[in-house]
Protein backbone atom coordinates (compact mmCIF):
# COMPACT_ATOMS: atom_id res chain seq x y z
CA MET A 1 28.98 -1.08 11.11
CA LYS A 2 25.61 1.66 11.10
CA SER A 3 21.79 -0.34 11.88
CA ILE A 4 18.82 0.75 12.45
CA LYS A 5 15.59 -1.06 12.84
CA ILE A 6 12.65 0.62 11.09
CA PHE A 7 8.73 -0.07 10.62
CA ALA A 8 7.90 -0.43 7.20
CA PRO A 9 3.65 0.24 7.21
CA ALA A 10 0.90 -1.43 5.38
CA THR A 11 -0.91 0.85 2.50
CA VAL A 12 -3.89 1.31 0.88
CA ALA A 13 -3.98 1.28 -2.96
CA ASN A 14 -6.09 2.76 -6.03
CA LEU A 15 -8.66 4.54 -2.73
CA SER A 16 -11.26 3.22 -5.83
CA CYS A 17 -11.02 5.87 -8.10
CA GLY A 18 -7.66 5.88 -8.60
CA PHE A 19 -6.20 2.49 -10.11
CA ASP A 20 -2.20 2.78 -10.20
CA VAL A 21 -2.40 6.69 -8.85
CA LEU A 22 -3.63 6.96 -5.69
CA GLY A 23 -3.07 5.44 -2.21
CA CYS A 24 -2.27 5.91 1.63
CA CYS A 25 -0.38 4.82 4.31
CA LEU A 26 -1.79 2.81 7.79
CA ASP A 27 -0.24 3.07 10.93
CA THR A 28 -1.11 -0.31 12.70
CA VAL A 29 0.32 -2.91 10.71
CA GLY A 30 3.57 -2.88 9.00
CA ASP A 31 6.81 -5.38 8.36
CA GLU A 32 9.39 -4.60 10.94
CA MET A 33 12.98 -4.67 9.32
CA VAL A 34 16.64 -4.29 10.33
CA ILE A 35 19.12 -2.96 7.77
CA THR A 36 22.82 -2.43 8.05
CA LEU A 37 25.55 -1.22 6.57
CA THR A 38 28.57 -3.97 6.29
CA GLN A 39 32.39 -3.80 5.13
CA GLU A 40 31.78 -6.55 2.75
CA PRO A 41 30.16 -5.18 -0.56
CA GLY A 42 27.01 -6.05 -1.81
CA VAL A 43 23.19 -6.63 -0.86
CA ARG A 44 22.42 -9.91 1.25
CA ILE A 45 19.21 -10.89 2.94
CA THR A 46 20.60 -12.52 6.33
CA LYS A 47 17.25 -13.07 7.74
CA LEU A 48 13.40 -13.33 7.07
CA GLU A 49 10.83 -14.30 9.07
CA GLY A 50 7.08 -14.97 9.13
CA ALA A 51 6.86 -15.51 5.53
CA ASP A 52 7.81 -18.36 2.85
CA LEU A 53 9.46 -15.65 0.42
CA PRO A 54 13.07 -15.72 -1.09
CA MET A 55 16.71 -14.92 0.46
CA GLU A 56 17.93 -14.71 -2.45
CA THR A 57 19.02 -10.87 -3.27
CA HIS A 58 17.45 -10.99 -6.83
CA LYS A 59 14.12 -12.58 -6.29
CA ASN A 60 13.47 -10.66 -3.03
CA VAL A 61 11.67 -7.12 -3.64
CA ALA A 62 13.91 -5.33 -1.07
CA GLY A 63 17.27 -6.74 -2.39
CA VAL A 64 16.45 -5.67 -5.73
CA ALA A 65 15.01 -2.24 -4.58
CA VAL A 66 17.93 -1.53 -2.70
CA GLU A 67 20.34 -2.60 -5.58
CA ALA A 68 19.03 0.31 -7.69
CA LEU A 69 19.64 3.00 -4.99
CA LEU A 70 23.36 1.80 -4.62
CA GLU A 71 23.77 1.86 -8.12
CA LYS A 72 22.91 4.81 -8.50
CA TYR A 73 24.55 5.91 -5.44
CA GLY A 74 28.01 4.42 -7.22
CA LYS A 75 30.19 3.54 -4.17
CA SER A 76 30.91 0.10 -2.86
CA ILE A 77 28.59 -0.49 0.26
CA GLY A 78 27.85 -3.42 1.86
CA VAL A 79 23.89 -4.28 3.17
CA ALA A 80 22.73 -6.48 5.34
CA ILE A 81 19.17 -6.92 5.71
CA GLU A 82 16.89 -8.74 8.16
CA ILE A 83 12.87 -8.78 7.65
CA TYR A 84 10.29 -9.95 9.58
CA LYS A 85 6.87 -9.85 7.52
CA LYS A 86 3.99 -8.96 9.50
CA ILE A 87 2.11 -8.01 6.09
CA LYS A 88 1.08 -11.46 4.84
CA ALA A 89 1.72 -11.54 1.03
CA GLY A 90 -1.03 -11.37 -1.38
CA SER A 91 -3.03 -9.55 1.20
CA GLY A 92 -3.76 -6.54 -0.73
CA ILE A 93 -1.77 -4.03 1.98
CA GLY A 94 1.09 -3.71 0.00
CA SER A 95 3.22 -6.33 1.68
CA SER A 96 5.87 -6.28 -1.19
CA ALA A 97 5.61 -2.14 -1.31
CA ALA A 98 6.67 -2.12 2.69
CA SER A 99 9.99 -4.59 2.31
CA SER A 100 10.98 -2.20 -0.89
CA ALA A 101 9.94 0.96 0.58
CA GLY A 102 11.53 0.04 3.96
CA ALA A 103 14.78 -1.33 2.70
CA VAL A 104 15.64 1.97 0.55
CA TRP A 105 14.52 4.28 3.20
CA ALA A 106 16.43 2.81 5.99
CA VAL A 107 19.47 3.02 3.57
CA ASN A 108 19.10 6.34 2.52
CA HIS A 109 19.02 7.07 6.04
CA LEU A 110 22.21 5.59 7.31
CA LEU A 111 24.12 6.97 3.81
CA ASP A 112 22.98 10.44 5.59
CA LYS A 113 20.36 10.93 2.99
CA PRO A 114 21.74 11.68 -0.50
CA PHE A 115 17.94 10.91 -2.17
CA THR A 116 15.32 12.52 -1.65
CA PRO A 117 11.48 10.69 -1.32
CA GLN A 118 10.72 11.13 -5.24
CA GLU A 119 14.09 8.97 -5.94
CA LEU A 120 13.50 6.36 -2.89
CA VAL A 121 9.80 5.64 -5.02
CA GLY A 122 11.44 4.94 -8.23
CA PHE A 123 13.88 2.36 -6.37
CA ALA A 124 11.41 0.88 -4.57
CA MET A 125 9.41 0.41 -7.78
CA VAL A 126 11.89 -2.01 -9.15
CA GLY A 127 11.08 -4.16 -6.14
CA GLU A 128 7.14 -3.71 -7.26
CA LYS A 129 8.31 -4.69 -10.59
CA LEU A 130 9.70 -7.85 -9.24
CA ALA A 131 6.60 -8.73 -7.62
CA SER A 132 3.78 -8.43 -9.48
CA GLY A 133 5.46 -7.65 -12.97
CA ASN A 134 4.58 -3.79 -12.90
CA ALA A 135 6.70 -0.82 -11.52
CA HIS A 136 3.52 0.80 -10.11
CA ALA A 137 4.29 3.35 -7.25
CA ASP A 138 0.49 3.39 -5.51
CA ASN A 139 1.57 1.46 -2.42
CA VAL A 140 5.48 2.30 -2.24
CA ALA A 141 4.67 6.07 -2.28
CA PRO A 142 2.61 6.58 0.59
CA ALA A 143 4.74 4.10 2.23
CA LEU A 144 8.16 6.28 1.94
CA LEU A 145 5.71 9.91 2.24
CA GLY A 146 2.93 9.23 4.45
CA GLY A 147 -0.62 10.32 4.13
CA PHE A 148 -2.32 10.58 1.11
CA THR A 149 -0.36 10.43 -2.02
CA LEU A 150 -1.24 10.86 -6.30
CA VAL A 151 1.18 9.46 -8.57
CA ARG A 152 0.67 12.35 -11.03
CA SER A 153 2.83 10.82 -14.07
CA TYR A 154 5.23 8.03 -13.87
CA THR A 155 6.89 9.12 -17.38
CA PRO A 156 8.71 11.31 -15.90
CA LEU A 157 7.83 9.96 -12.39
CA ASP A 158 5.85 12.88 -10.05
CA VAL A 159 4.74 11.80 -7.11
CA ILE A 160 2.64 13.95 -4.84
CA LYS A 161 1.63 13.83 -1.41
CA LEU A 162 -1.89 14.91 -0.65
CA HIS A 163 -3.46 16.88 2.68
CA THR A 164 -4.77 14.23 5.15
CA PRO A 165 -7.68 15.26 6.80
CA LYS A 166 -7.48 14.30 10.83
CA ASP A 167 -10.65 12.68 11.19
CA LEU A 168 -10.20 10.06 8.55
CA VAL A 169 -9.72 6.26 9.92
CA MET A 170 -9.50 3.12 7.71
CA THR A 171 -10.94 -0.13 8.54
CA VAL A 172 -9.24 -3.27 6.33
CA ILE A 173 -10.92 -6.48 6.23
CA HIS A 174 -8.20 -9.33 5.07
CA PRO A 175 -9.91 -12.66 3.98
CA GLN A 176 -6.81 -15.28 4.37
CA ILE A 177 -6.98 -16.35 0.64
CA GLU A 178 -4.61 -14.68 -1.74
CA VAL A 179 -5.06 -13.35 -4.98
CA LYS A 180 -1.76 -12.34 -6.88
CA THR A 181 -1.22 -8.97 -7.89
CA SER A 182 -0.70 -10.81 -11.79
CA ASP A 183 -3.37 -12.33 -11.35
CA ALA A 184 -6.15 -8.94 -10.72
CA ARG A 185 -4.42 -7.61 -13.27
CA SER A 186 -5.67 -10.47 -15.72
CA VAL A 187 -9.12 -10.02 -15.70
CA ILE A 188 -8.85 -6.34 -15.76
CA LYS A 189 -9.72 -4.98 -19.60
CA GLN A 190 -7.21 -2.54 -21.18
CA LYS A 191 -9.94 -0.39 -23.03
CA VAL A 192 -12.76 1.70 -21.19
CA THR A 193 -15.22 3.93 -22.42
CA LEU A 194 -15.07 7.48 -22.82
CA GLN A 195 -18.01 7.68 -20.26
CA GLN A 196 -16.20 5.39 -18.01
CA ALA A 197 -12.91 7.40 -18.00
CA ILE A 198 -15.10 10.90 -17.66
CA HIS A 199 -17.11 9.44 -14.90
CA GLN A 200 -13.75 8.21 -12.99
CA TRP A 201 -11.94 11.46 -13.99
CA GLY A 202 -14.67 13.39 -11.85
CA ASN A 203 -14.04 10.55 -8.97
CA VAL A 204 -10.41 11.20 -8.87
CA GLY A 205 -10.77 15.15 -8.80
CA GLY A 206 -13.34 15.35 -6.26
CA LEU A 207 -11.60 12.86 -4.09
CA ILE A 208 -8.41 15.29 -4.13
CA SER A 209 -10.78 18.36 -3.44
CA GLY A 210 -12.08 16.38 -0.48
CA LEU A 211 -9.44 15.87 0.96
CA TYR A 212 -7.74 19.44 0.46
CA THR A 213 -11.58 21.00 2.10
CA GLU A 214 -11.51 18.61 4.73
CA ASP A 215 -15.23 17.79 2.90
CA TYR A 216 -16.23 14.37 4.28
CA GLU A 217 -19.38 14.14 1.97
CA LEU A 218 -17.50 14.60 -1.03
CA ILE A 219 -14.89 11.92 -0.02
CA GLY A 220 -17.70 9.36 0.10
CA ARG A 221 -18.89 10.30 -2.98
CA SER A 222 -16.04 10.31 -4.38
CA LEU A 223 -14.76 6.49 -3.34
CA GLU A 224 -16.83 4.78 -6.43
CA ASP A 225 -14.97 2.51 -9.17
CA VAL A 226 -16.58 1.96 -11.91
CA ILE A 227 -13.48 0.37 -14.21
CA ILE A 228 -11.74 -1.66 -12.07
CA GLU A 229 -13.94 -2.84 -9.01
CA PRO A 230 -17.06 -4.45 -11.33
CA LEU A 231 -14.28 -6.82 -12.48
CA ARG A 232 -12.01 -7.15 -9.55
CA SER A 233 -14.77 -7.94 -7.38
CA ILE A 234 -15.49 -11.59 -7.95
CA LEU A 235 -12.58 -12.72 -6.99
CA ILE A 236 -13.30 -11.85 -3.19
CA PRO A 237 -15.80 -13.90 -1.77
CA GLU A 238 -18.77 -11.62 0.14
CA PHE A 239 -17.40 -8.43 -1.33
CA LYS A 240 -20.87 -6.87 -2.23
CA ASN A 241 -22.20 -8.00 1.40
CA VAL A 242 -19.03 -6.57 3.27
CA LYS A 243 -19.75 -3.37 0.88
CA GLU A 244 -22.92 -3.24 2.09
CA ALA A 245 -22.88 -3.93 5.81
CA ALA A 246 -19.59 -1.03 5.77
CA MET A 247 -22.18 1.61 4.50
CA THR A 248 -24.86 0.75 6.31
CA HIS A 249 -22.97 1.52 9.34
CA GLY A 250 -21.48 4.53 8.73
CA ALA A 251 -18.80 4.62 6.13
CA LEU A 252 -17.77 7.24 3.85
CA GLY A 253 -17.15 4.68 1.12
CA CYS A 254 -15.94 0.90 0.73
CA GLY A 255 -14.08 -0.64 -2.17
CA ILE A 256 -11.03 -3.30 -2.85
CA SER A 257 -7.77 -2.63 -1.62
CA GLY A 258 -5.19 -2.37 -4.31
CA SER A 259 -5.64 -5.84 -5.94
CA GLY A 260 -7.70 -7.59 -3.19
CA PRO A 261 -8.56 -9.35 -1.53
CA SER A 262 -8.48 -7.29 1.25
CA ILE A 263 -11.40 -4.54 1.29
CA PHE A 264 -11.11 -1.27 2.79
CA ALA A 265 -13.83 1.03 4.31
CA LEU A 266 -12.73 4.96 4.92
CA SER A 267 -14.81 6.69 7.77
CA LYS A 268 -14.77 9.74 9.97
CA GLY A 269 -14.23 9.03 13.37
CA MET A 270 -12.56 5.75 15.31
CA ASP A 271 -16.30 5.28 16.71
CA THR A 272 -17.30 5.19 13.36
CA ALA A 273 -14.78 2.75 11.55
CA THR A 274 -15.01 0.23 15.15
CA LYS A 275 -19.02 0.11 13.76
CA VAL A 276 -18.19 -0.81 10.63
CA ALA A 277 -15.29 -3.32 11.63
CA ASP A 278 -18.11 -4.95 14.14
CA ALA A 279 -20.39 -5.00 11.00
CA ILE A 280 -17.96 -6.47 8.45
CA ARG A 281 -16.75 -9.31 10.82
CA LYS A 282 -20.46 -10.38 11.23
CA VAL A 283 -20.12 -10.68 7.59
CA TYR A 284 -17.06 -12.72 7.18
CA ASN A 285 -18.19 -14.92 10.28
CA THR A 286 -20.70 -17.03 8.21
CA THR A 287 -18.10 -17.79 5.59
CA GLY A 288 -15.63 -20.16 7.62
CA LEU A 289 -12.88 -17.97 6.18
CA ASP A 290 -10.04 -17.02 8.73
CA PHE A 291 -9.51 -13.29 8.41
CA ASP A 292 -8.10 -10.64 9.88
CA ILE A 293 -9.19 -6.88 10.71
CA HIS A 294 -7.54 -3.83 10.90
CA THR A 295 -8.38 -0.58 12.44
CA SER A 296 -6.04 2.33 11.95
CA ILE A 297 -5.76 6.40 11.83
CA ILE A 298 -4.03 7.75 8.25
CA ASN A 299 -0.41 7.13 9.38
CA ASN A 300 1.26 10.79 8.15
CA TYR A 301 5.20 9.90 8.30
CA GLY A 302 5.36 6.28 6.25
CA VAL A 303 8.73 4.48 7.25
CA LYS A 304 10.00 5.25 11.00
CA ILE A 305 12.56 4.16 13.09
CA ILE A 306 11.21 1.80 16.28
CA ASP A 307 13.81 0.83 19.29
C-alpha cells in the first residue's frame, strides 16, 4: 500500500472578466485528503469529515474524477480516499474543485505521474460536471497548476499557466449563505451584445498583459465584468457596499468569486489586503450574517504533499 496526505487549495474563478476561463489559486485555505492505493480494485470514499457530502463513489466529485483517471490508465487499481473538508460547499472558492483536483493529483503522484497536469485538469472536470452540471475548468486548473491560469480552449482542452506578480494578495469574504453554482448559472443570459463582448475581451487581454508586465494599475483597470456580475451580484447581500469599501481602501479590483456568494478583492501588498479585509469586515458586521474572511498570497504551486 502506498499513501500520501495532500493539501488541496481553494481557488478564485472568473476574476471578473474571465467567466469560465480565468482563475487563481489561494494559499491559506484548502481541503486535506489522504489517498491510498489498495489491493482491492475500485474507488472508495472511506472517510469524509467537515461536510455533509455523499460517500458513494458515483455521487462524490473526487470519486468520479479518480474513476475517469483510472479508466484512462487502463489497469485494475484500488484507491481509498479520505476527505477532510475545510472549504465549505457552495462557498464560491472552489470546494468541489479542491476535492476533484486533489484526488487526481494524488493518484497520479502515487502512480509515478503517468499523466500531464493538463490531462489531470480533464479528469478533475468530470467532478465539476457532477457538482454543477457543467464541466468547467476555471477552478480545477489553478488548483492543479497553481498561480493564475487561462483556459484558452475547452475543445480541445488547452490550459495555460500565466505569470504571477509576487506582490498580489487576495482577500476573500465568504458570507455563510449558499449559492449553488447551478442556481447562479440559471440567472445568466445566454446571449450578450457585441458591445459587451468587445468590452469584456479587452479586459481579459488587459488583465493577462498586466500579469506578465506586473502593471498593477492595468490589472486593476481590467478587473471589470460587464456581463455576469450585474446579474449575479443581486444574489449576494451587501455586494455593492463591500466592493465600494474594498476599492476605497486600496484594492486593485473587486468582484464575485466564482458563482458566489464569496467576494474577492485583489490588492498589491499584504498591508493593503489587510486594510481591505478590515473594511469589508465592518460592512458585514452590520448584517447579522456569519462570515469568514481569508487573506492569502497567490499559491504558485497548487496541490501539495503535507505531513
